[in-house]
Amino acid sequence: MNRSKIIAISTGVLSVLLAIGYLLLVQILDFRGNLEPAPLDLGFLSPIAVFPPLGLSLLVSSLP
């Protein structure tokens, strides 16, 4: 076999392996079920819960 034929066959095999790996990954991720979306509004969290080291200093510095 010449070199170009070997490269073509190995590229085809690699492509098929990547496609099978992708399909397996999608199946595994889909098997986990429905995921809840991330919350859009974090207003219910206090600044201390969001930024623990920085939140306290922001609250103290904003006091009159």
N, C-alpha and C. Protein backbone atom coordinates (compact mmCIF):
# COMPACT_ATOMS: atom_id res chain seq x y z
N MET A 1 0.84 -1.18 0.00
CA MET A 1 0.00 0.00 0.00
C MET A 1 0.89 1.25 0.00
N ASN A 2 0.43 2.23 -0.69
CA ASN A 2 1.23 3.45 -0.69
C ASN A 2 0.84 4.33 0.50
N ARG A 3 1.62 5.34 0.72
CA ARG A 3 1.49 6.15 1.92
C ARG A 3 0.16 6.91 1.96
N SER A 4 -0.30 7.44 0.87
CA SER A 4 -1.54 8.22 0.86
C SER A 4 -2.75 7.35 1.22
N LYS A 5 -2.73 6.08 0.81
CA LYS A 5 -3.83 5.19 1.14
C LYS A 5 -3.85 4.88 2.63
N ILE A 6 -2.68 4.71 3.23
CA ILE A 6 -2.59 4.44 4.68
C ILE A 6 -3.09 5.65 5.46
N ILE A 7 -2.72 6.85 5.05
CA ILE A 7 -3.17 8.06 5.72
C ILE A 7 -4.68 8.21 5.60
N ALA A 8 -5.24 7.92 4.44
CA ALA A 8 -6.68 8.02 4.24
C ALA A 8 -7.43 7.04 5.13
N ILE A 9 -6.96 5.82 5.22
CA ILE A 9 -7.63 4.81 6.05
C ILE A 9 -7.53 5.17 7.52
N SER A 10 -6.34 5.60 7.97
CA SER A 10 -6.18 5.96 9.39
C SER A 10 -7.01 7.19 9.74
N THR A 11 -7.13 8.13 8.83
CA THR A 11 -7.97 9.31 9.08
C THR A 11 -9.44 8.90 9.17
N GLY A 12 -9.88 8.00 8.33
CA GLY A 12 -11.25 7.52 8.38
C GLY A 12 -11.55 6.79 9.67
N VAL A 13 -10.61 5.94 10.13
CA VAL A 13 -10.79 5.22 11.38
C VAL A 13 -10.86 6.20 12.56
N LEU A 14 -9.98 7.20 12.55
CA LEU A 14 -9.99 8.20 13.62
C LEU A 14 -11.31 8.97 13.62
N SER A 15 -11.82 9.30 12.45
CA SER A 15 -13.09 10.01 12.35
C SER A 15 -14.24 9.18 12.92
N VAL A 16 -14.27 7.91 12.61
CA VAL A 16 -15.33 7.03 13.11
C VAL A 16 -15.22 6.90 14.63
N LEU A 17 -14.01 6.77 15.15
CA LEU A 17 -13.82 6.66 16.60
C LEU A 17 -14.26 7.93 17.32
N LEU A 18 -13.93 9.08 16.76
CA LEU A 18 -14.37 10.34 17.36
C LEU A 18 -15.89 10.47 17.33
N ALA A 19 -16.51 10.04 16.25
CA ALA A 19 -17.97 10.11 16.15
C ALA A 19 -18.63 9.20 17.18
N ILE A 20 -18.12 8.00 17.35
CA ILE A 20 -18.67 7.07 18.35
C ILE A 20 -18.47 7.63 19.75
N GLY A 21 -17.30 8.20 20.02
CA GLY A 21 -17.04 8.81 21.33
C GLY A 21 -17.98 9.96 21.61
N TYR A 22 -18.25 10.78 20.59
CA TYR A 22 -19.18 11.89 20.76
C TYR A 22 -20.59 11.39 21.06
N LEU A 23 -21.03 10.36 20.33
CA LEU A 23 -22.37 9.82 20.58
C LEU A 23 -22.47 9.22 21.98
N LEU A 24 -21.43 8.56 22.44
CA LEU A 24 -21.44 8.02 23.80
C LEU A 24 -21.50 9.14 24.83
N LEU A 25 -20.74 10.21 24.62
CA LEU A 25 -20.77 11.34 25.54
C LEU A 25 -22.14 11.98 25.59
N VAL A 26 -22.78 12.14 24.45
CA VAL A 26 -24.12 12.72 24.42
C VAL A 26 -25.11 11.82 25.14
N GLN A 27 -25.00 10.52 24.97
CA GLN A 27 -25.90 9.60 25.66
C GLN A 27 -25.71 9.65 27.16
N ILE A 28 -24.47 9.74 27.61
CA ILE A 28 -24.19 9.81 29.05
C ILE A 28 -24.76 11.11 29.62
N LEU A 29 -24.55 12.22 28.93
CA LEU A 29 -25.07 13.49 29.42
C LEU A 29 -26.59 13.53 29.38
N ASP A 30 -27.19 12.90 28.39
CA ASP A 30 -28.65 12.87 28.29
C ASP A 30 -29.25 11.93 29.33
N PHE A 31 -28.51 10.93 29.74
CA PHE A 31 -29.00 9.96 30.73
C PHE A 31 -29.20 10.60 32.10
N ARG A 32 -28.51 11.71 32.36
CA ARG A 32 -28.61 12.37 33.66
C ARG A 32 -29.98 12.96 33.90
N GLY A 33 -30.77 13.14 32.89
CA GLY A 33 -32.12 13.66 33.05
C GLY A 33 -32.16 15.16 32.85
N ASN A 34 -33.32 15.72 33.17
CA ASN A 34 -33.50 17.15 32.99
C ASN A 34 -32.72 17.92 34.05
N LEU A 35 -32.03 18.93 33.60
CA LEU A 35 -31.29 19.78 34.51
C LEU A 35 -32.02 21.10 34.66
N GLU A 36 -32.04 21.62 35.87
CA GLU A 36 -32.67 22.92 36.08
C GLU A 36 -31.73 24.00 35.61
N PRO A 37 -32.26 25.02 34.95
CA PRO A 37 -31.38 26.10 34.50
C PRO A 37 -30.86 26.90 35.69
N ALA A 38 -29.76 27.56 35.47
CA ALA A 38 -29.19 28.39 36.53
C ALA A 38 -30.12 29.56 36.81
N PRO A 39 -30.15 30.02 38.06
CA PRO A 39 -31.02 31.15 38.37
C PRO A 39 -30.53 32.42 37.67
N LEU A 40 -31.48 33.21 37.19
CA LEU A 40 -31.13 34.44 36.51
C LEU A 40 -30.94 35.59 37.50
N ASP A 41 -31.66 35.56 38.60
CA ASP A 41 -31.60 36.64 39.57
C ASP A 41 -30.99 36.11 40.87
N LEU A 42 -29.90 36.70 41.29
CA LEU A 42 -29.27 36.31 42.55
C LEU A 42 -29.58 37.31 43.64
N GLY A 43 -30.64 38.08 43.48
CA GLY A 43 -31.02 39.09 44.46
C GLY A 43 -31.42 38.52 45.80
N PHE A 44 -31.83 37.26 45.82
CA PHE A 44 -32.24 36.67 47.08
C PHE A 44 -31.04 36.33 47.97
N LEU A 45 -29.84 36.35 47.41
CA LEU A 45 -28.64 36.09 48.20
C LEU A 45 -28.11 37.39 48.78
N SER A 46 -27.61 37.32 49.99
CA SER A 46 -27.02 38.51 50.60
C SER A 46 -25.62 38.72 50.04
N PRO A 47 -25.08 39.92 50.11
CA PRO A 47 -23.72 40.14 49.60
C PRO A 47 -22.68 39.31 50.35
N ILE A 48 -22.95 38.99 51.59
CA ILE A 48 -21.99 38.19 52.36
C ILE A 48 -21.95 36.77 51.82
N ALA A 49 -23.11 36.24 51.39
CA ALA A 49 -23.14 34.88 50.84
C ALA A 49 -22.49 34.83 49.47
N VAL A 50 -22.58 35.92 48.71
CA VAL A 50 -22.02 35.92 47.37
C VAL A 50 -20.52 36.18 47.41
N PHE A 51 -20.09 37.17 48.17
CA PHE A 51 -18.68 37.52 48.29
C PHE A 51 -18.29 37.54 49.76
N PRO A 52 -18.01 36.41 50.36
CA PRO A 52 -17.75 36.38 51.81
C PRO A 52 -16.64 37.33 52.28
N PRO A 53 -15.45 37.33 51.70
CA PRO A 53 -14.44 38.23 52.26
C PRO A 53 -14.70 39.69 51.89
N LEU A 54 -15.26 39.93 50.72
CA LEU A 54 -15.45 41.30 50.24
C LEU A 54 -16.78 41.87 50.71
N GLY A 55 -17.78 41.01 50.88
CA GLY A 55 -19.13 41.47 51.22
C GLY A 55 -19.19 42.21 52.53
N LEU A 56 -18.50 41.71 53.54
CA LEU A 56 -18.55 42.34 54.85
C LEU A 56 -17.90 43.72 54.81
N SER A 57 -16.79 43.85 54.10
CA SER A 57 -16.13 45.14 54.04
C SER A 57 -16.98 46.13 53.25
N LEU A 58 -17.73 45.66 52.24
CA LEU A 58 -18.61 46.56 51.49
C LEU A 58 -19.76 47.04 52.37
N LEU A 59 -20.30 46.13 53.18
CA LEU A 59 -21.40 46.52 54.04
C LEU A 59 -20.94 47.50 55.11
N VAL A 60 -19.77 47.26 55.68
CA VAL A 60 -19.26 48.13 56.74
C VAL A 60 -18.88 49.49 56.18
N SER A 61 -18.29 49.52 54.99
CA SER A 61 -17.85 50.79 54.43
C SER A 61 -19.03 51.62 53.94
N SER A 62 -20.18 51.00 53.68
CA SER A 62 -21.32 51.77 53.21
C SER A 62 -22.16 52.31 54.35
N LEU A 63 -21.84 51.96 55.58
CA LEU A 63 -22.59 52.49 56.72
C LEU A 63 -22.23 53.96 56.93
N PRO A 64 -23.21 54.77 57.39
CA PRO A 64 -22.90 56.21 57.60
C PRO A 64 -21.96 56.45 58.77
